[in-house]
Amino acid sequence: MKIHGPNHSNMNPYQKSQQIQKQTASKSHSLKPDQLEISDKALKMQQKDSRQAYVNEIKQQVDNGEYKVNNKETAKKLLNYWKT
């Protein structure tokens, strides 16, 4: 039995990786384009009047010294943020 070097199959691995890249590039053109979907809740938040009223209400509470932070909810949201 004779061995003629490490690449006895006459296949260049560099050429094979290039062929795979070309195949994936051609497949990506046939895929559907990206789409953006905004939830109903996000659309409501984007409406200027309701969002501005909410911000004004919080500003007024802060100015009057009536705004209170819910520590437990803030901590839960921070933990959830760092867990994901």
PDB file of N, CA and C in Angstrom:
ATOM      1  N   MET A   1       0.843  -1.164   0.000  1.00  0.00           N
ATOM      2  CA  MET A   1       0.000   0.000   0.000  1.00  0.00           C
ATOM      3  C   MET A   1       0.897   1.239   0.000  1.00  0.00           C
ATOM      4  N   LYS A   2       0.623   2.174  -0.911  1.00  0.00           N
ATOM      5  CA  LYS A   2       1.415   3.387  -1.014  1.00  0.00           C
ATOM      6  C   LYS A   2       0.582   4.582  -0.573  1.00  0.00           C
ATOM      7  N   ILE A   3       1.225   5.476   0.139  1.00  0.00           N
ATOM      8  CA  ILE A   3       0.580   6.716   0.574  1.00  0.00           C
ATOM      9  C   ILE A   3       1.332   7.858  -0.081  1.00  0.00           C
ATOM     10  N   HIS A   4       0.599   8.705  -0.817  1.00  0.00           N
ATOM     11  CA  HIS A   4       1.220   9.815  -1.535  1.00  0.00           C
ATOM     12  C   HIS A   4       0.855  11.139  -0.883  1.00  0.00           C
ATOM     13  N   GLY A   5       1.241  11.359   0.339  1.00  0.00           N
ATOM     14  CA  GLY A   5       0.994  12.617   1.021  1.00  0.00           C
ATOM     15  C   GLY A   5      -0.347  12.614   1.761  1.00  0.00           C
ATOM     16  N   PRO A   6      -0.609  13.685   2.513  1.00  0.00           N
ATOM     17  CA  PRO A   6      -1.812  13.726   3.344  1.00  0.00           C
ATOM     18  C   PRO A   6      -3.097  13.957   2.547  1.00  0.00           C
ATOM     19  N   ASN A   7      -2.988  14.452   1.310  1.00  0.00           N
ATOM     20  CA  ASN A   7      -4.177  14.775   0.533  1.00  0.00           C
ATOM     21  C   ASN A   7      -4.274  13.824  -0.654  1.00  0.00           C
ATOM     22  N   HIS A   8      -4.478  12.545  -0.389  1.00  0.00           N
ATOM     23  CA  HIS A   8      -4.485  11.557  -1.447  1.00  0.00           C
ATOM     24  C   HIS A   8      -5.798  11.538  -2.239  1.00  0.00           C
ATOM     25  N   SER A   9      -6.798  12.287  -1.832  1.00  0.00           N
ATOM     26  CA  SER A   9      -8.078  12.296  -2.553  1.00  0.00           C
ATOM     27  C   SER A   9      -8.099  13.342  -3.663  1.00  0.00           C
ATOM     28  N   ASN A  10      -7.005  14.078  -3.818  1.00  0.00           N
ATOM     29  CA  ASN A  10      -6.883  15.129  -4.831  1.00  0.00           C
ATOM     30  C   ASN A  10      -7.955  16.203  -4.679  1.00  0.00           C
ATOM     31  N   MET A  11      -8.397  16.436  -3.480  1.00  0.00           N
ATOM     32  CA  MET A  11      -9.399  17.466  -3.207  1.00  0.00           C
ATOM     33  C   MET A  11      -8.752  18.540  -2.358  1.00  0.00           C
ATOM     34  N   ASN A  12      -8.772  19.746  -2.840  1.00  0.00           N
ATOM     35  CA  ASN A  12      -8.196  20.868  -2.116  1.00  0.00           C
ATOM     36  C   ASN A  12      -9.260  21.393  -1.140  1.00  0.00           C
ATOM     37  N   PRO A  13      -9.015  21.387   0.165  1.00  0.00           N
ATOM     38  CA  PRO A  13     -10.022  21.840   1.121  1.00  0.00           C
ATOM     39  C   PRO A  13     -10.373  23.321   0.948  1.00  0.00           C
ATOM     40  N   TYR A  14      -9.426  24.123   0.475  1.00  0.00           N
ATOM     41  CA  TYR A  14      -9.695  25.537   0.236  1.00  0.00           C
ATOM     42  C   TYR A  14     -10.729  25.699  -0.882  1.00  0.00           C
ATOM     43  N   GLN A  15     -10.578  24.929  -1.947  1.00  0.00           N
ATOM     44  CA  GLN A  15     -11.537  24.994  -3.053  1.00  0.00           C
ATOM     45  C   GLN A  15     -12.917  24.524  -2.597  1.00  0.00           C
ATOM     46  N   LYS A  16     -12.952  23.512  -1.771  1.00  0.00           N
ATOM     47  CA  LYS A  16     -14.228  23.000  -1.286  1.00  0.00           C
ATOM     48  C   LYS A  16     -14.948  24.063  -0.454  1.00  0.00           C
ATOM     49  N   SER A  17     -14.222  24.790   0.411  1.00  0.00           N
ATOM     50  CA  SER A  17     -14.854  25.832   1.221  1.00  0.00           C
ATOM     51  C   SER A  17     -15.357  26.966   0.340  1.00  0.00           C
ATOM     52  N   GLN A  18     -14.640  27.271  -0.752  1.00  0.00           N
ATOM     53  CA  GLN A  18     -15.104  28.301  -1.677  1.00  0.00           C
ATOM     54  C   GLN A  18     -16.388  27.867  -2.376  1.00  0.00           C
ATOM     55  N   GLN A  19     -16.485  26.616  -2.745  1.00  0.00           N
ATOM     56  CA  GLN A  19     -17.691  26.101  -3.393  1.00  0.00           C
ATOM     57  C   GLN A  19     -18.891  26.178  -2.447  1.00  0.00           C
ATOM     58  N   ILE A  20     -18.664  25.867  -1.191  1.00  0.00           N
ATOM     59  CA  ILE A  20     -19.743  25.931  -0.203  1.00  0.00           C
ATOM     60  C   ILE A  20     -20.207  27.370  -0.018  1.00  0.00           C
ATOM     61  N   GLN A  21     -19.268  28.311   0.026  1.00  0.00           N
ATOM     62  CA  GLN A  21     -19.629  29.723   0.164  1.00  0.00           C
ATOM     63  C   GLN A  21     -20.439  30.202  -1.028  1.00  0.00           C
ATOM     64  N   LYS A  22     -20.069  29.780  -2.231  1.00  0.00           N
ATOM     65  CA  LYS A  22     -20.817  30.167  -3.425  1.00  0.00           C
ATOM     66  C   LYS A  22     -22.235  29.600  -3.381  1.00  0.00           C
ATOM     67  N   GLN A  23     -22.373  28.365  -2.917  1.00  0.00           N
ATOM     68  CA  GLN A  23     -23.695  27.742  -2.838  1.00  0.00           C
ATOM     69  C   GLN A  23     -24.575  28.469  -1.831  1.00  0.00           C
ATOM     70  N   THR A  24     -24.034  28.823  -0.678  1.00  0.00           N
ATOM     71  CA  THR A  24     -24.837  29.521   0.327  1.00  0.00           C
ATOM     72  C   THR A  24     -25.177  30.924  -0.127  1.00  0.00           C
ATOM     73  N   ALA A  25     -24.282  31.571  -0.872  1.00  0.00           N
ATOM     74  CA  ALA A  25     -24.565  32.915  -1.384  1.00  0.00           C
ATOM     75  C   ALA A  25     -25.697  32.865  -2.395  1.00  0.00           C
ATOM     76  N   SER A  26     -25.713  31.848  -3.235  1.00  0.00           N
ATOM     77  CA  SER A  26     -26.786  31.751  -4.225  1.00  0.00           C
ATOM     78  C   SER A  26     -28.116  31.411  -3.559  1.00  0.00           C
ATOM     79  N   LYS A  27     -28.100  30.653  -2.482  1.00  0.00           N
ATOM     80  CA  LYS A  27     -29.322  30.330  -1.754  1.00  0.00           C
ATOM     81  C   LYS A  27     -29.887  31.546  -1.039  1.00  0.00           C
ATOM     82  N   SER A  28     -29.014  32.409  -0.535  1.00  0.00           N
ATOM     83  CA  SER A  28     -29.478  33.563   0.223  1.00  0.00           C
ATOM     84  C   SER A  28     -30.254  34.536  -0.659  1.00  0.00           C
ATOM     85  N   HIS A  29     -29.984  34.564  -1.948  1.00  0.00           N
ATOM     86  CA  HIS A  29     -30.716  35.446  -2.851  1.00  0.00           C
ATOM     87  C   HIS A  29     -32.134  34.951  -3.079  1.00  0.00           C
ATOM     88  N   SER A  30     -32.356  33.663  -2.930  1.00  0.00           N
ATOM     89  CA  SER A  30     -33.677  33.119  -3.171  1.00  0.00           C
ATOM     90  C   SER A  30     -34.581  33.219  -1.940  1.00  0.00           C
ATOM     91  N   LEU A  31     -34.031  33.590  -0.784  1.00  0.00           N
ATOM     92  CA  LEU A  31     -34.822  33.712   0.432  1.00  0.00           C
ATOM     93  C   LEU A  31     -35.656  34.986   0.408  1.00  0.00           C
ATOM     94  N   LYS A  32     -36.705  35.000   1.205  1.00  0.00           N
ATOM     95  CA  LYS A  32     -37.546  36.190   1.288  1.00  0.00           C
ATOM     96  C   LYS A  32     -36.779  37.319   1.958  1.00  0.00           C
ATOM     97  N   PRO A  33     -37.076  38.548   1.586  1.00  0.00           N
ATOM     98  CA  PRO A  33     -36.385  39.674   2.215  1.00  0.00           C
ATOM     99  C   PRO A  33     -36.824  39.838   3.672  1.00  0.00           C
ATOM    100  N   ASP A  34     -36.001  40.508   4.454  1.00  0.00           N
ATOM    101  CA  ASP A  34     -36.315  40.752   5.857  1.00  0.00           C
ATOM    102  C   ASP A  34     -37.546  41.639   5.971  1.00  0.00           C
ATOM    103  N   GLN A  35     -38.317  41.400   7.013  1.00  0.00           N
ATOM    104  CA  GLN A  35     -39.510  42.196   7.256  1.00  0.00           C
ATOM    105  C   GLN A  35     -39.497  42.690   8.686  1.00  0.00           C
ATOM    106  N   LEU A  36     -40.112  43.833   8.892  1.00  0.00           N
ATOM    107  CA  LEU A  36     -40.215  44.414  10.213  1.00  0.00           C
ATOM    108  C   LEU A  36     -41.684  44.443  10.607  1.00  0.00           C
ATOM    109  N   GLU A  37     -41.985  43.894  11.767  1.00  0.00           N
ATOM    110  CA  GLU A  37     -43.349  43.910  12.270  1.00  0.00           C
ATOM    111  C   GLU A  37     -43.354  44.582  13.634  1.00  0.00           C
ATOM    112  N   ILE A  38     -44.258  45.525  13.799  1.00  0.00           N
ATOM    113  CA  ILE A  38     -44.374  46.253  15.055  1.00  0.00           C
ATOM    114  C   ILE A  38     -45.670  45.829  15.727  1.00  0.00           C
ATOM    115  N   SER A  39     -45.595  45.484  16.992  1.00  0.00           N
ATOM    116  CA  SER A  39     -46.779  45.031  17.717  1.00  0.00           C
ATOM    117  C   SER A  39     -47.750  46.187  17.939  1.00  0.00           C
ATOM    118  N   ASP A  40     -48.972  45.832  18.275  1.00  0.00           N
ATOM    119  CA  ASP A  40     -49.989  46.850  18.544  1.00  0.00           C
ATOM    120  C   ASP A  40     -49.585  47.730  19.724  1.00  0.00           C
ATOM    121  N   LYS A  41     -49.000  47.098  20.723  1.00  0.00           N
ATOM    122  CA  LYS A  41     -48.578  47.853  21.902  1.00  0.00           C
ATOM    123  C   LYS A  41     -47.503  48.884  21.527  1.00  0.00           C
ATOM    124  N   ALA A  42     -46.569  48.484  20.676  1.00  0.00           N
ATOM    125  CA  ALA A  42     -45.522  49.409  20.246  1.00  0.00           C
ATOM    126  C   ALA A  42     -46.098  50.550  19.411  1.00  0.00           C
ATOM    127  N   LEU A  43     -47.076  50.230  18.583  1.00  0.00           N
ATOM    128  CA  LEU A  43     -47.713  51.283  17.787  1.00  0.00           C
ATOM    129  C   LEU A  43     -48.419  52.297  18.673  1.00  0.00           C
ATOM    130  N   LYS A  44     -49.062  51.806  19.721  1.00  0.00           N
ATOM    131  CA  LYS A  44     -49.738  52.715  20.647  1.00  0.00           C
ATOM    132  C   LYS A  44     -48.726  53.601  21.367  1.00  0.00           C
ATOM    133  N   MET A  45     -47.572  53.015  21.703  1.00  0.00           N
ATOM    134  CA  MET A  45     -46.552  53.793  22.394  1.00  0.00           C
ATOM    135  C   MET A  45     -45.965  54.869  21.486  1.00  0.00           C
ATOM    136  N   GLN A  46     -45.976  54.618  20.190  1.00  0.00           N
ATOM    137  CA  GLN A  46     -45.414  55.576  19.252  1.00  0.00           C
ATOM    138  C   GLN A  46     -46.337  56.759  18.993  1.00  0.00           C
ATOM    139  N   GLN A  47     -47.602  56.607  19.306  1.00  0.00           N
ATOM    140  CA  GLN A  47     -48.524  57.710  19.088  1.00  0.00           C
ATOM    141  C   GLN A  47     -48.122  58.858  19.995  1.00  0.00           C
ATOM    142  N   LYS A  48     -47.949  60.004  19.412  1.00  0.00           N
ATOM    143  CA  LYS A  48     -47.373  61.139  20.120  1.00  0.00           C
ATOM    144  C   LYS A  48     -48.234  61.597  21.296  1.00  0.00           C
ATOM    145  N   ASP A  49     -49.530  61.674  21.118  1.00  0.00           N
ATOM    146  CA  ASP A  49     -50.398  62.231  22.152  1.00  0.00           C
ATOM    147  C   ASP A  49     -50.397  61.384  23.420  1.00  0.00           C
ATOM    148  N   SER A  50     -50.577  60.081  23.283  1.00  0.00           N
ATOM    149  CA  SER A  50     -50.647  59.234  24.476  1.00  0.00           C
ATOM    150  C   SER A  50     -49.290  59.160  25.177  1.00  0.00           C
ATOM    151  N   ARG A  51     -48.224  59.075  24.419  1.00  0.00           N
ATOM    152  CA  ARG A  51     -46.889  58.991  25.006  1.00  0.00           C
ATOM    153  C   ARG A  51     -46.528  60.311  25.695  1.00  0.00           C
ATOM    154  N   GLN A  52     -46.844  61.409  25.048  1.00  0.00           N
ATOM    155  CA  GLN A  52     -46.533  62.716  25.614  1.00  0.00           C
ATOM    156  C   GLN A  52     -47.337  62.961  26.885  1.00  0.00           C
ATOM    157  N   ALA A  53     -48.587  62.507  26.908  1.00  0.00           N
ATOM    158  CA  ALA A  53     -49.400  62.663  28.110  1.00  0.00           C
ATOM    159  C   ALA A  53     -48.814  61.861  29.264  1.00  0.00           C
ATOM    160  N   TYR A  54     -48.330  60.647  28.952  1.00  0.00           N
ATOM    161  CA  TYR A  54     -47.722  59.790  29.974  1.00  0.00           C
ATOM    162  C   TYR A  54     -46.447  60.444  30.526  1.00  0.00           C
ATOM    163  N   VAL A  55     -45.627  60.978  29.644  1.00  0.00           N
ATOM    164  CA  VAL A  55     -44.387  61.629  30.068  1.00  0.00           C
ATOM    165  C   VAL A  55     -44.694  62.868  30.903  1.00  0.00           C
ATOM    166  N   ASN A  56     -45.661  63.651  30.471  1.00  0.00           N
ATOM    167  CA  ASN A  56     -46.038  64.856  31.222  1.00  0.00           C
ATOM    168  C   ASN A  56     -46.552  64.516  32.614  1.00  0.00           C
ATOM    169  N   GLU A  57     -47.309  63.420  32.715  1.00  0.00           N
ATOM    170  CA  GLU A  57     -47.834  62.993  34.020  1.00  0.00           C
ATOM    171  C   GLU A  57     -46.686  62.638  34.965  1.00  0.00           C
ATOM    172  N   ILE A  58     -45.700  61.908  34.455  1.00  0.00           N
ATOM    173  CA  ILE A  58     -44.555  61.530  35.289  1.00  0.00           C
ATOM    174  C   ILE A  58     -43.745  62.772  35.674  1.00  0.00           C
ATOM    175  N   LYS A  59     -43.563  63.685  34.737  1.00  0.00           N
ATOM    176  CA  LYS A  59     -42.829  64.922  35.044  1.00  0.00           C
ATOM    177  C   LYS A  59     -43.521  65.702  36.155  1.00  0.00           C
ATOM    178  N   GLN A  60     -44.826  65.762  36.084  1.00  0.00           N
ATOM    179  CA  GLN A  60     -45.589  66.495  37.090  1.00  0.00           C
ATOM    180  C   GLN A  60     -45.450  65.835  38.457  1.00  0.00           C
ATOM    181  N   GLN A  61     -45.497  64.502  38.501  1.00  0.00           N
ATOM    182  CA  GLN A  61     -45.329  63.786  39.761  1.00  0.00           C
ATOM    183  C   GLN A  61     -43.940  64.036  40.344  1.00  0.00           C
ATOM    184  N   VAL A  62     -42.915  64.046  39.484  1.00  0.00           N
ATOM    185  CA  VAL A  62     -41.549  64.291  39.952  1.00  0.00           C
ATOM    186  C   VAL A  62     -41.434  65.712  40.501  1.00  0.00           C
ATOM    187  N   ASP A  63     -41.992  66.671  39.777  1.00  0.00           N
ATOM    188  CA  ASP A  63     -41.929  68.067  40.220  1.00  0.00           C
ATOM    189  C   ASP A  63     -42.636  68.275  41.556  1.00  0.00           C
ATOM    190  N   ASN A  64     -43.748  67.561  41.782  1.00  0.00           N
ATOM    191  CA  ASN A  64     -44.505  67.696  43.023  1.00  0.00           C
ATOM    192  C   ASN A  64     -43.939  66.839  44.148  1.00  0.00           C
ATOM    193  N   GLY A  65     -42.951  65.986  43.837  1.00  0.00           N
ATOM    194  CA  GLY A  65     -42.377  65.109  44.842  1.00  0.00           C
ATOM    195  C   GLY A  65     -43.261  63.916  45.160  1.00  0.00           C
ATOM    196  N   GLU A  66     -44.197  63.593  44.277  1.00  0.00           N
ATOM    197  CA  GLU A  66     -45.134  62.497  44.499  1.00  0.00           C
ATOM    198  C   GLU A  66     -44.728  61.206  43.791  1.00  0.00           C
ATOM    199  N   TYR A  67     -43.722  61.261  42.940  1.00  0.00           N
ATOM    200  CA  TYR A  67     -43.327  60.077  42.167  1.00  0.00           C
ATOM    201  C   TYR A  67     -42.603  59.095  43.070  1.00  0.00           C
ATOM    202  N   LYS A  68     -43.059  57.843  43.043  1.00  0.00           N
ATOM    203  CA  LYS A  68     -42.443  56.807  43.877  1.00  0.00           C
ATOM    204  C   LYS A  68     -41.975  55.666  42.984  1.00  0.00           C
ATOM    205  N   VAL A  69     -40.774  55.228  43.230  1.00  0.00           N
ATOM    206  CA  VAL A  69     -40.189  54.125  42.476  1.00  0.00           C
ATOM    207  C   VAL A  69     -40.568  52.823  43.158  1.00  0.00           C
ATOM    208  N   ASN A  70     -41.033  51.848  42.370  1.00  0.00           N
ATOM    209  CA  ASN A  70     -41.340  50.526  42.891  1.00  0.00           C
ATOM    210  C   ASN A  70     -40.040  49.713  42.835  1.00  0.00           C
ATOM    211  N   ASN A  71     -39.390  49.586  43.982  1.00  0.00           N
ATOM    212  CA  ASN A  71     -38.084  48.935  44.047  1.00  0.00           C
ATOM    213  C   ASN A  71     -38.127  47.479  43.608  1.00  0.00           C
ATOM    214  N   LYS A  72     -39.169  46.770  44.013  1.00  0.00           N
ATOM    215  CA  LYS A  72     -39.261  45.347  43.670  1.00  0.00           C
ATOM    216  C   LYS A  72     -39.403  45.155  42.162  1.00  0.00           C
ATOM    217  N   GLU A  73     -40.244  45.948  41.525  1.00  0.00           N
ATOM    218  CA  GLU A  73     -40.426  45.830  40.081  1.00  0.00           C
ATOM    219  C   GLU A  73     -39.147  46.208  39.337  1.00  0.00           C
ATOM    220  N   THR A  74     -38.467  47.223  39.807  1.00  0.00           N
ATOM    221  CA  THR A  74     -37.207  47.641  39.186  1.00  0.00           C
ATOM    222  C   THR A  74     -36.170  46.528  39.306  1.00  0.00           C
ATOM    223  N   ALA A  75     -36.078  45.917  40.461  1.00  0.00           N
ATOM    224  CA  ALA A  75     -35.125  44.828  40.675  1.00  0.00           C
ATOM    225  C   ALA A  75     -35.467  43.626  39.798  1.00  0.00           C
ATOM    226  N   LYS A  76     -36.750  43.298  39.682  1.00  0.00           N
ATOM    227  CA  LYS A  76     -37.162  42.175  38.833  1.00  0.00           C
ATOM    228  C   LYS A  76     -36.785  42.420  37.379  1.00  0.00           C
ATOM    229  N   LYS A  77     -37.023  43.627  36.909  1.00  0.00           N
ATOM    230  CA  LYS A  77     -36.706  43.942  35.520  1.00  0.00           C
ATOM    231  C   LYS A  77     -35.200  43.917  35.276  1.00  0.00           C
ATOM    232  N   LEU A  78     -34.428  44.383  36.236  1.00  0.00           N
ATOM    233  CA  LEU A  78     -32.974  44.328  36.089  1.00  0.00           C
ATOM    234  C   LEU A  78     -32.481  42.882  36.046  1.00  0.00           C
ATOM    235  N   LEU A  79     -33.018  42.042  36.930  1.00  0.00           N
ATOM    236  CA  LEU A  79     -32.615  40.634  36.938  1.00  0.00           C
ATOM    237  C   LEU A  79     -33.005  39.941  35.638  1.00  0.00           C
ATOM    238  N   ASN A  80     -34.219  40.197  35.163  1.00  0.00           N
ATOM    239  CA  ASN A  80     -34.649  39.601  33.901  1.00  0.00           C
ATOM    240  C   ASN A  80     -33.776  40.053  32.738  1.00  0.00           C
ATOM    241  N   TYR A  81     -33.369  41.299  32.766  1.00  0.00           N
ATOM    242  CA  TYR A  81     -32.513  41.827  31.708  1.00  0.00           C
ATOM    243  C   TYR A  81     -31.161  41.106  31.694  1.00  0.00           C
ATOM    244  N   TRP A  82     -30.575  40.925  32.868  1.00  0.00           N
ATOM    245  CA  TRP A  82     -29.255  40.317  32.926  1.00  0.00           C
ATOM    246  C   TRP A  82     -29.283  38.806  32.768  1.00  0.00           C
ATOM    247  N   LYS A  83     -30.442  38.181  33.003  1.00  0.00           N
ATOM    248  CA  LYS A  83     -30.556  36.734  32.805  1.00  0.00           C
ATOM    249  C   LYS A  83     -30.597  36.362  31.329  1.00  0.00           C
ATOM    250  N   THR A  84     -31.173  37.228  30.527  1.00  0.00           N
ATOM    251  CA  THR A  84     -31.302  36.895  29.090  1.00  0.00           C
ATOM    252  C   THR A  84     -30.133  37.352  28.297  1.00  0.00           C
TER     253      THR A  84
END
